Amino acid sequence: MKTTCLESVDQTLRSAPDTEPLAVTAARLAGGLEDAVRHFVRASDQNLGHLESQVAQESQELLRQATAAGAQQKADATPPLCPVCQRQLTRLSFDHPRTFATRFGDVTVRRTRGYCKRCRKWRVPADTALGLEDTAGYSPAVQEMAALLASKMPVGEAGVVLARLTGVQLPRATLDREARRQGQRAEKLRRRLDQQASVSTGHKQLELPLEPYQMIIQMDAWNIRERDDWGKSAALRRAGKEPERWHWVYTGTCFRLDQRAQTASGRPVISERGFVATRSGIDGLREQLHAEAMRRGLGQAAGALVIADGAVWIWRLADDRFPQARQRLDFYHAVQHLAAVGRAMFGEDKAKLKSWLQPLVRQLKNESALKVIRQLEEVLAGLPAGAAAQTVRKEINYFHEHEQRMDYRMGGRRGEPIGSGPVEATCRQAQCRFKRPGQFWSRKGDEALLALEMFWRNGRWHLLFPHASPHDSAKN
């Protein structure tokens, strides 16, 4: 049997008048759905997925009518006050229609319009009450869908997924424009929240924790490809200037040490942490990461620890924004520099390299960097002048520079991380979105999407979209 299970429901609802009370429409739908279930049971070529799809589709009109009725009643109940200064509006006019797309279909609302003498602007208070004041024709739920999907996947795919899962049809250009607009709104909100966090002296910062804890801060950077001087590459090269395409995205993460644990297999996990990623340069990272660390409890921490690779900009930022924090060089970067010495000595002989390297790695981790440096200096003394000696001397200087940041034995005893894996994983996750084949970005566009992604990952999505329930960022 191949009869569509809800044909009768579809015909009945389409013949119902728009002004029919919701209770009557719902009763008619319920009766039709019972018939549909009986059709579905007899249909040998349909599974539960067919019924779910049909029920969702045919219930759409009832949901749209309910949304329209609620929106109109909300608009009617909104007092004629300026949503900015709360002053009584004058020169009121009524029944201004506005049609916008919701997740259930198009809805038209008639609103009151008035003039604010203080702001010297025309205002529509109902738009603010409904969350429509800045929209380009879409409800807050549709705005959220566009923002979330575009931050997770390419816009072309996002449009297809949106239509398949919700039935909302947004052209690719429209979805891109709406997602970017929401991202720019996220940037503004982020700046306001960061300013509040950086200067906050509220009671939360003054409360003493039940037990002292350490704040762990990590930083790194990765490249993103942008459309700088797009279409001008040949002209720039003729002028002797190579076009720039790749730019740094500065990334950071922070968490309390007591929020770091292990799985049953021994793999480290972090139950809660903050994220930052920005294209606004080192200065942008400095302010955003400090604000995020303050939100996560830096002001109450007994101490702080910055862990990163050997990039000079990181340590300068740490000295500037986290001057009281201890600093630790990522252990695995230190091992890479030891390996560079081994390759200079043994070339491609992997067996000799491994035999020489392993004892030094254990010594670096479990004893002290000073002992390792002394052994490297002995190696250098026995080498003839040449490229190998230059490499070894360079690496010895590197270890001397970071000697105070190689307290791995003490870190292990304290249960602290000795590597920067969390921030490197954060960078990798972001790159999976922004480095897909064929993708180019603009600075304005990628910063907007990065702002959206950080609101999501930090569990503050509901601050952008108040209708959304707070979610657990640890489950991203």
Protein backbone atom coordinates (compact mmCIF):
# COMPACT_ATOMS: atom_id res chain seq x y z
CA MET A 1 0.00 0.00 0.00
CA LYS A 2 1.51 3.34 -1.06
CA THR A 3 -1.16 5.75 0.09
CA THR A 4 0.32 8.87 1.72
CA CYS A 5 -0.75 8.58 5.31
CA LEU A 6 -1.81 12.20 5.87
CA GLU A 7 -3.49 13.15 2.60
CA SER A 8 -6.84 13.65 4.33
CA VAL A 9 -5.26 15.82 7.05
CA ASP A 10 -3.53 17.95 4.43
CA GLN A 11 -6.76 18.63 2.51
CA THR A 12 -8.74 19.38 5.68
CA LEU A 13 -6.25 21.90 7.04
CA ARG A 14 -5.86 23.70 3.72
CA SER A 15 -9.60 24.27 3.60
CA ALA A 16 -9.68 25.71 7.14
CA PRO A 17 -10.08 29.49 7.40
CA ASP A 18 -7.13 31.48 8.84
CA THR A 19 -9.42 33.11 11.39
CA GLU A 20 -10.57 29.80 12.84
CA PRO A 21 -9.84 29.49 16.59
CA LEU A 22 -6.76 27.44 17.38
CA ALA A 23 -8.75 24.99 19.49
CA VAL A 24 -10.98 24.15 16.51
CA THR A 25 -7.98 23.76 14.19
CA ALA A 26 -6.23 21.56 16.73
CA ALA A 27 -9.30 19.34 17.14
CA ARG A 28 -9.60 18.91 13.38
CA LEU A 29 -5.91 18.08 13.18
CA ALA A 30 -6.16 15.53 15.99
CA GLY A 31 -8.97 13.70 14.26
CA GLY A 32 -7.06 13.66 11.00
CA LEU A 33 -3.93 12.42 12.67
CA GLU A 34 -5.78 9.43 14.08
CA ASP A 35 -6.83 8.53 10.53
CA ALA A 36 -3.24 9.02 9.41
CA VAL A 37 -1.96 6.60 12.03
CA ARG A 38 -4.36 3.94 10.77
CA HIS A 39 -3.15 4.53 7.20
CA PHE A 40 0.44 4.30 8.36
CA VAL A 41 -0.13 0.96 10.12
CA ARG A 42 -1.54 -0.51 6.90
CA ALA A 43 1.23 0.90 4.68
CA SER A 44 3.75 -1.90 4.25
CA ASP A 45 6.30 0.34 2.52
CA GLN A 46 6.51 2.98 5.28
CA ASN A 47 8.49 3.04 8.51
CA LEU A 48 8.27 5.35 11.49
CA GLY A 49 10.36 7.96 9.71
CA HIS A 50 7.58 8.40 7.12
CA LEU A 51 5.06 9.07 9.87
CA GLU A 52 7.36 11.51 11.68
CA SER A 53 7.96 13.51 8.50
CA GLN A 54 4.29 13.64 7.61
CA VAL A 55 3.16 14.63 11.10
CA ALA A 56 5.75 17.42 11.23
CA GLN A 57 4.76 18.70 7.80
CA GLU A 58 1.03 18.63 8.34
CA SER A 59 1.24 20.13 11.83
CA GLN A 60 3.09 23.12 10.40
CA GLU A 61 -0.03 25.19 9.70
CA LEU A 62 -1.35 24.84 13.23
CA LEU A 63 2.04 25.89 14.61
CA ARG A 64 2.18 28.83 12.22
CA GLN A 65 -1.27 29.99 13.27
CA ALA A 66 -0.33 29.69 16.94
CA THR A 67 2.82 31.71 16.34
CA ALA A 68 0.91 34.37 14.42
CA ALA A 69 -1.76 34.63 17.12
CA GLY A 70 0.79 34.93 19.91
CA ALA A 71 2.85 37.51 18.02
CA GLN A 72 -0.21 39.65 17.30
CA GLN A 73 -1.40 39.51 20.90
CA LYS A 74 2.08 40.47 22.11
CA ALA A 75 2.14 43.39 19.67
CA ASP A 76 -1.30 44.55 20.79
CA ALA A 77 -0.28 44.42 24.46
CA THR A 78 2.95 46.39 23.98
CA PRO A 79 2.60 49.96 25.36
CA PRO A 80 3.55 52.85 23.04
CA LEU A 81 6.85 53.62 24.78
CA CYS A 82 10.22 54.25 23.17
CA PRO A 83 12.23 51.01 23.60
CA VAL A 84 15.43 53.05 24.04
CA CYS A 85 14.51 55.84 26.49
CA GLN A 86 11.06 54.62 27.65
CA ARG A 87 9.50 57.96 26.78
CA GLN A 88 5.83 58.05 25.67
CA LEU A 89 5.59 58.05 21.89
CA THR A 90 3.57 60.67 20.04
CA ARG A 91 1.96 60.92 16.59
CA LEU A 92 0.81 57.32 16.86
CA SER A 93 -0.43 55.43 13.84
CA PHE A 94 -1.81 51.91 13.85
CA ASP A 95 -2.06 48.69 11.85
CA HIS A 96 1.37 48.82 10.22
CA PRO A 97 1.81 45.29 8.81
CA ARG A 98 5.12 43.48 8.87
CA THR A 99 5.65 40.00 7.44
CA PHE A 100 8.57 37.89 8.58
CA ALA A 101 9.65 34.29 8.22
CA THR A 102 9.40 31.98 11.21
CA ARG A 103 10.41 28.34 11.52
CA PHE A 104 6.74 27.45 10.82
CA GLY A 105 6.15 29.76 7.85
CA ASP A 106 5.48 33.43 7.13
CA VAL A 107 3.63 35.46 9.75
CA THR A 108 2.18 38.97 9.43
CA VAL A 109 1.81 41.22 12.47
CA ARG A 110 0.14 44.62 12.62
CA ARG A 111 1.92 47.07 14.89
CA THR A 112 1.67 50.59 16.28
CA ARG A 113 4.23 53.18 15.19
CA GLY A 114 5.12 56.40 17.03
CA TYR A 115 7.65 59.22 17.24
CA CYS A 116 10.07 59.69 20.16
CA LYS A 117 10.75 63.37 20.77
CA ARG A 118 13.81 62.66 22.90
CA CYS A 119 15.48 60.28 20.44
CA ARG A 120 14.03 62.12 17.44
CA LYS A 121 13.28 58.83 15.75
CA TRP A 122 10.26 56.80 14.71
CA ARG A 123 9.86 53.68 16.83
CA VAL A 124 7.84 50.47 16.63
CA PRO A 125 7.79 49.11 20.22
CA ALA A 126 6.23 45.79 19.21
CA ASP A 127 9.25 44.95 17.06
CA THR A 128 11.50 45.25 20.10
CA ALA A 129 9.12 43.19 22.23
CA LEU A 130 9.13 40.44 19.60
CA GLY A 131 12.90 40.52 19.09
CA LEU A 132 12.56 41.86 15.55
CA GLU A 133 14.05 45.31 15.83
CA ASP A 134 17.22 44.48 13.90
CA THR A 135 16.02 41.69 11.66
CA ALA A 136 15.88 41.62 7.91
CA GLY A 137 12.61 39.71 7.87
CA TYR A 138 13.34 36.70 10.04
CA SER A 139 12.21 35.64 13.49
CA PRO A 140 14.75 35.19 16.31
CA ALA A 141 14.58 31.41 15.90
CA VAL A 142 15.44 31.64 12.20
CA GLN A 143 18.23 34.10 13.00
CA GLU A 144 19.64 31.57 15.45
CA MET A 145 19.43 28.73 12.92
CA ALA A 146 21.34 30.76 10.34
CA ALA A 147 24.01 31.79 12.85
CA LEU A 148 24.54 28.33 14.32
CA LEU A 149 24.61 26.39 11.06
CA ALA A 150 26.87 28.87 9.26
CA SER A 151 29.32 28.81 12.18
CA LYS A 152 29.51 25.01 11.95
CA MET A 153 29.59 24.34 8.19
CA PRO A 154 29.93 26.08 4.80
CA VAL A 155 26.92 28.22 3.95
CA GLY A 156 25.96 26.14 0.90
CA GLU A 157 25.71 23.01 3.03
CA ALA A 158 24.06 24.91 5.86
CA GLY A 159 21.19 25.99 3.61
CA VAL A 160 20.51 22.42 2.54
CA VAL A 161 20.66 21.10 6.12
CA LEU A 162 18.39 23.91 7.32
CA ALA A 163 15.76 23.12 4.69
CA ARG A 164 15.96 19.37 5.32
CA LEU A 165 15.67 19.52 9.10
CA THR A 166 13.29 22.45 9.58
CA GLY A 167 11.69 23.20 6.22
CA VAL A 168 12.98 26.79 6.38
CA GLN A 169 14.20 27.88 2.96
CA LEU A 170 16.94 30.53 2.98
CA PRO A 171 18.88 31.39 -0.19
CA ARG A 172 22.62 30.98 0.19
CA ALA A 173 23.33 34.72 -0.01
CA THR A 174 20.59 35.47 2.51
CA LEU A 175 21.83 32.87 4.97
CA ASP A 176 25.39 34.18 4.64
CA ARG A 177 24.27 37.77 5.18
CA GLU A 178 22.12 36.88 8.19
CA ALA A 179 24.87 34.78 9.81
CA ARG A 180 27.39 37.57 9.33
CA ARG A 181 24.99 40.10 10.81
CA GLN A 182 24.48 37.91 13.86
CA GLY A 183 28.23 37.50 14.15
CA GLN A 184 28.73 41.25 14.15
CA ARG A 185 26.10 41.50 16.86
CA ALA A 186 28.08 38.86 18.78
CA GLU A 187 31.23 40.98 18.44
CA LYS A 188 29.50 43.99 19.99
CA LEU A 189 28.11 41.93 22.84
CA ARG A 190 31.50 40.30 23.41
CA ARG A 191 33.19 43.71 23.72
CA ARG A 192 30.60 44.82 26.26
CA LEU A 193 30.91 41.62 28.30
CA ASP A 194 34.71 41.77 28.20
CA GLN A 195 34.72 45.34 29.48
CA GLN A 196 32.43 44.33 32.32
CA ALA A 197 34.59 41.33 33.22
CA SER A 198 37.84 43.29 33.16
CA VAL A 199 36.64 46.04 35.51
CA SER A 200 34.26 43.99 37.64
CA THR A 201 34.66 44.24 41.40
CA GLY A 202 31.34 42.61 42.19
CA HIS A 203 30.69 40.18 45.01
CA LYS A 204 31.61 37.19 42.88
CA GLN A 205 35.19 38.41 42.64
CA LEU A 206 35.33 39.06 46.40
CA GLU A 207 34.02 35.69 47.53
CA LEU A 208 36.72 33.32 48.70
CA PRO A 209 36.67 29.82 47.19
CA LEU A 210 36.20 26.88 49.51
CA GLU A 211 39.58 25.51 48.42
CA PRO A 212 42.46 27.32 46.66
CA TYR A 213 42.94 26.51 43.00
CA GLN A 214 45.30 27.31 40.14
CA MET A 215 44.19 28.93 36.87
CA ILE A 216 45.74 27.39 33.74
CA ILE A 217 46.07 29.68 30.69
CA GLN A 218 47.23 28.52 27.27
CA MET A 219 47.79 30.39 23.99
CA ASP A 220 48.62 29.57 20.39
CA ALA A 221 47.92 30.77 16.84
CA TRP A 222 47.01 29.34 13.46
CA ASN A 223 46.65 30.63 9.90
CA ILE A 224 43.50 31.50 7.98
CA ARG A 225 43.31 32.30 4.26
CA GLU A 226 41.63 35.55 3.28
CA ARG A 227 40.76 37.33 0.03
CA ASP A 228 43.22 40.20 0.34
CA ASP A 229 43.34 42.30 -2.85
CA TRP A 230 41.24 39.66 -4.59
CA GLY A 231 41.72 39.79 -8.38
CA LYS A 232 44.81 41.98 -8.12
CA SER A 233 47.44 39.27 -7.70
CA ALA A 234 49.01 39.66 -11.15
CA ALA A 235 49.23 43.44 -10.85
CA LEU A 236 50.80 43.19 -7.39
CA ARG A 237 53.40 40.69 -8.59
CA ARG A 238 54.30 42.91 -11.54
CA ALA A 239 54.87 45.66 -8.99
CA GLY A 240 57.19 43.37 -7.06
CA LYS A 241 54.80 42.71 -4.17
CA GLU A 242 53.65 39.20 -3.31
CA PRO A 243 49.94 39.10 -2.35
CA GLU A 244 49.23 38.16 1.23
CA ARG A 245 46.69 35.40 1.74
CA TRP A 246 47.41 33.84 5.13
CA HIS A 247 46.88 35.61 8.44
CA TRP A 248 47.10 34.67 12.11
CA VAL A 249 44.10 33.73 14.22
CA TYR A 250 45.12 34.11 17.87
CA THR A 251 43.61 31.51 20.18
CA GLY A 252 43.53 30.89 23.91
CA THR A 253 41.90 28.71 26.51
CA CYS A 254 41.75 28.83 30.31
CA PHE A 255 40.50 26.53 33.03
CA ARG A 256 40.84 25.81 36.72
CA LEU A 257 43.22 23.03 37.61
CA ASP A 258 40.57 21.40 39.81
CA GLN A 259 38.39 21.09 36.70
CA ARG A 260 40.95 18.81 35.06
CA ALA A 261 40.56 15.07 35.60
CA GLN A 262 41.19 11.75 33.86
CA THR A 263 39.05 9.16 32.16
CA ALA A 264 39.12 5.50 33.21
CA SER A 265 41.82 4.93 30.57
CA GLY A 266 43.96 7.74 31.98
CA ARG A 267 43.28 10.33 29.28
CA PRO A 268 43.14 13.89 30.69
CA VAL A 269 39.78 15.66 30.36
CA ILE A 270 38.66 19.16 31.34
CA SER A 271 35.12 19.48 32.66
CA GLU A 272 34.79 23.21 32.06
CA ARG A 273 36.94 25.81 30.32
CA GLY A 274 36.83 29.08 28.44
CA PHE A 275 37.74 29.70 24.80
CA VAL A 276 38.97 32.69 22.82
CA ALA A 277 39.74 32.98 19.09
CA THR A 278 40.15 36.23 17.21
CA ARG A 279 41.51 37.80 14.04
CA SER A 280 41.91 41.15 15.77
CA GLY A 281 45.59 40.61 16.53
CA ILE A 282 47.61 40.04 19.68
CA ASP A 283 45.96 43.03 21.34
CA GLY A 284 42.55 41.47 20.72
CA LEU A 285 43.65 38.18 22.25
CA ARG A 286 45.18 39.99 25.23
CA GLU A 287 41.93 41.70 26.17
CA GLN A 288 39.58 38.83 25.34
CA LEU A 289 41.63 36.14 27.10
CA HIS A 290 42.08 38.25 30.21
CA ALA A 291 38.32 38.88 30.35
CA GLU A 292 37.58 35.18 29.85
CA ALA A 293 40.04 34.22 32.57
CA MET A 294 38.39 36.70 34.94
CA ARG A 295 35.00 35.18 34.20
CA ARG A 296 36.43 31.74 34.92
CA GLY A 297 37.80 32.78 38.32
CA LEU A 298 41.25 34.31 37.78
CA GLY A 299 40.51 37.01 40.35
CA GLN A 300 39.95 34.35 43.04
CA ALA A 301 42.72 31.95 42.03
CA ALA A 302 45.60 31.18 44.38
CA GLY A 303 47.91 31.36 41.37
CA ALA A 304 48.06 31.11 37.60
CA LEU A 305 50.17 29.17 35.10
CA VAL A 306 50.71 30.06 31.44
CA ILE A 307 51.66 27.12 29.19
CA ALA A 308 52.61 27.61 25.54
CA ASP A 309 55.23 26.94 22.88
CA GLY A 310 58.30 29.14 22.59
CA ALA A 311 56.76 32.00 20.56
CA VAL A 312 58.08 35.33 21.84
CA TRP A 313 54.72 37.11 21.49
CA ILE A 314 53.11 34.68 23.94
CA TRP A 315 55.57 35.38 26.75
CA ARG A 316 55.35 39.11 26.16
CA LEU A 317 51.57 38.94 26.37
CA ALA A 318 51.83 36.84 29.54
CA ASP A 319 54.22 39.35 31.13
CA ASP A 320 51.84 42.17 30.25
CA ARG A 321 48.40 40.72 31.10
CA PHE A 322 49.26 37.93 33.57
CA PRO A 323 52.38 39.29 35.30
CA GLN A 324 51.94 37.18 38.44
CA ALA A 325 51.53 33.92 36.54
CA ARG A 326 54.22 31.26 36.36
CA GLN A 327 55.30 30.30 32.85
CA ARG A 328 55.93 26.84 31.39
CA LEU A 329 57.22 25.83 27.98
CA ASP A 330 55.17 23.07 26.39
CA PHE A 331 57.07 19.85 27.10
CA TYR A 332 56.58 18.40 23.64
CA HIS A 333 58.01 21.52 21.98
CA ALA A 334 61.07 21.13 24.19
CA VAL A 335 61.39 17.51 23.07
CA GLN A 336 61.25 18.63 19.43
CA HIS A 337 64.24 20.88 20.05
CA LEU A 338 66.13 17.98 21.64
CA ALA A 339 65.32 15.91 18.58
CA ALA A 340 66.75 18.66 16.36
CA VAL A 341 70.08 18.21 18.15
CA GLY A 342 69.88 14.46 17.62
CA ARG A 343 69.20 14.82 13.90
CA ALA A 344 72.15 17.17 13.56
CA MET A 345 74.37 14.48 15.18
CA PHE A 346 73.00 11.27 13.65
CA GLY A 347 71.28 12.36 10.45
CA GLU A 348 68.80 9.75 9.23
CA ASP A 349 70.00 7.00 11.60
CA LYS A 350 66.74 6.65 13.53
CA ALA A 351 68.02 3.89 15.81
CA LYS A 352 70.93 5.99 17.09
CA LEU A 353 68.68 9.04 17.40
CA LYS A 354 66.15 7.14 19.49
CA SER A 355 68.82 5.58 21.70
CA TRP A 356 70.37 9.01 22.39
CA LEU A 357 67.10 10.92 22.74
CA GLN A 358 65.06 8.76 25.10
CA PRO A 359 67.30 9.12 28.20
CA LEU A 360 67.43 12.89 27.72
CA VAL A 361 63.65 13.12 27.42
CA ARG A 362 63.20 11.18 30.66
CA GLN A 363 65.78 13.36 32.36
CA LEU A 364 64.11 16.55 31.15
CA LYS A 365 60.72 15.37 32.41
CA ASN A 366 61.75 13.78 35.70
CA GLU A 367 64.90 15.65 36.75
CA SER A 368 65.95 19.10 35.52
CA ALA A 369 66.58 21.08 32.37
CA LEU A 370 69.99 22.15 33.69
CA LYS A 371 71.33 18.58 33.51
CA VAL A 372 70.11 18.27 29.93
CA ILE A 373 71.73 21.58 28.97
CA ARG A 374 75.06 20.44 30.41
CA GLN A 375 74.95 17.28 28.32
CA LEU A 376 74.18 19.29 25.20
CA GLU A 377 77.14 21.55 25.95
CA GLU A 378 79.35 18.45 26.19
CA VAL A 379 78.03 17.34 22.80
CA LEU A 380 78.86 20.75 21.33
CA ALA A 381 82.39 20.65 22.73
CA GLY A 382 83.06 17.40 20.85
CA LEU A 383 81.73 18.58 17.49
CA PRO A 384 83.89 20.09 14.73
CA ALA A 385 82.93 23.49 13.36
CA GLY A 386 80.15 23.24 10.81
CA ALA A 387 76.41 23.06 10.31
CA ALA A 388 75.87 20.44 13.02
CA ALA A 389 77.69 22.54 15.60
CA GLN A 390 75.68 25.61 14.63
CA THR A 391 72.43 23.68 15.10
CA VAL A 392 73.48 22.38 18.52
CA ARG A 393 74.59 25.84 19.64
CA LYS A 394 71.25 27.30 18.52
CA GLU A 395 69.31 24.72 20.51
CA ILE A 396 71.47 25.21 23.60
CA ASN A 397 70.66 28.91 23.47
CA TYR A 398 66.97 27.99 23.18
CA PHE A 399 67.16 25.82 26.30
CA HIS A 400 69.04 28.51 28.22
CA GLU A 401 66.35 31.05 27.27
CA HIS A 402 63.54 28.81 28.53
CA GLU A 403 65.32 27.07 31.40
CA GLN A 404 63.08 28.69 34.04
CA ARG A 405 60.02 27.54 32.07
CA MET A 406 60.99 23.86 32.13
CA ASP A 407 59.91 22.89 35.65
CA TYR A 408 58.30 19.67 34.45
CA ARG A 409 59.18 17.60 37.49
CA MET A 410 57.57 20.11 39.85
CA GLY A 411 54.55 20.44 37.53
CA GLY A 412 54.05 16.69 37.56
CA ARG A 413 54.19 16.57 41.33
CA ARG A 414 51.54 19.29 41.56
CA GLY A 415 49.28 17.51 39.10
CA GLU A 416 49.62 20.35 36.60
CA PRO A 417 49.68 19.87 32.83
CA ILE A 418 53.12 20.11 31.25
CA GLY A 419 51.83 20.38 27.69
CA SER A 420 49.65 22.81 25.74
CA GLY A 421 47.43 20.12 24.25
CA PRO A 422 44.11 21.82 25.15
CA VAL A 423 44.83 24.98 23.17
CA GLU A 424 46.33 23.02 20.28
CA ALA A 425 43.16 20.92 20.13
CA THR A 426 41.11 24.12 20.19
CA CYS A 427 43.09 25.46 17.22
CA ARG A 428 42.62 22.20 15.35
CA GLN A 429 38.86 22.21 15.89
CA ALA A 430 38.59 25.76 14.56
CA GLN A 431 40.73 24.94 11.55
CA CYS A 432 38.38 22.09 10.65
CA ARG A 433 35.74 24.76 9.98
CA PHE A 434 37.85 27.51 8.44
CA LYS A 435 40.37 25.53 6.36
CA ARG A 436 38.13 23.48 4.15
CA PRO A 437 39.20 23.15 0.49
CA GLY A 438 38.43 26.17 -1.65
CA GLN A 439 37.51 28.45 1.24
CA PHE A 440 38.66 32.05 1.43
CA TRP A 441 37.59 34.54 4.07
CA SER A 442 37.46 38.24 4.71
CA ARG A 443 38.62 39.61 8.03
CA LYS A 444 35.16 41.00 8.69
CA GLY A 445 33.51 37.68 7.91
CA ASP A 446 35.86 35.37 9.78
CA GLU A 447 35.87 37.54 12.92
CA ALA A 448 32.07 37.49 12.92
CA LEU A 449 31.91 33.70 12.71
CA LEU A 450 34.68 33.30 15.28
CA ALA A 451 32.65 35.45 17.67
CA LEU A 452 29.62 33.23 17.14
CA GLU A 453 31.63 30.07 17.69
CA MET A 454 33.13 31.38 20.93
CA PHE A 455 29.69 32.27 22.29
CA TRP A 456 28.60 28.71 21.54
CA ARG A 457 31.68 27.02 22.98
CA ASN A 458 31.65 29.18 26.11
CA GLY A 459 28.02 28.31 26.89
CA ARG A 460 26.82 31.89 26.41
CA TRP A 461 24.72 31.32 23.30
CA HIS A 462 21.58 32.25 25.23
CA LEU A 463 22.96 35.76 25.74
CA LEU A 464 22.78 36.25 21.97
CA PHE A 465 19.47 34.44 21.58
CA PRO A 466 17.46 34.71 24.83
CA HIS A 467 14.90 32.17 23.63
CA ALA A 468 17.63 29.48 23.60
CA SER A 469 18.22 27.48 26.77
CA PRO A 470 21.76 27.55 28.22
CA HIS A 471 23.72 24.52 27.01
CA ASP A 472 26.70 22.61 28.35
CA SER A 473 29.75 23.85 26.46
CA ALA A 474 31.71 20.78 27.58
CA LYS A 475 29.52 18.72 25.24
CA ASN A 476 30.39 20.63 22.04
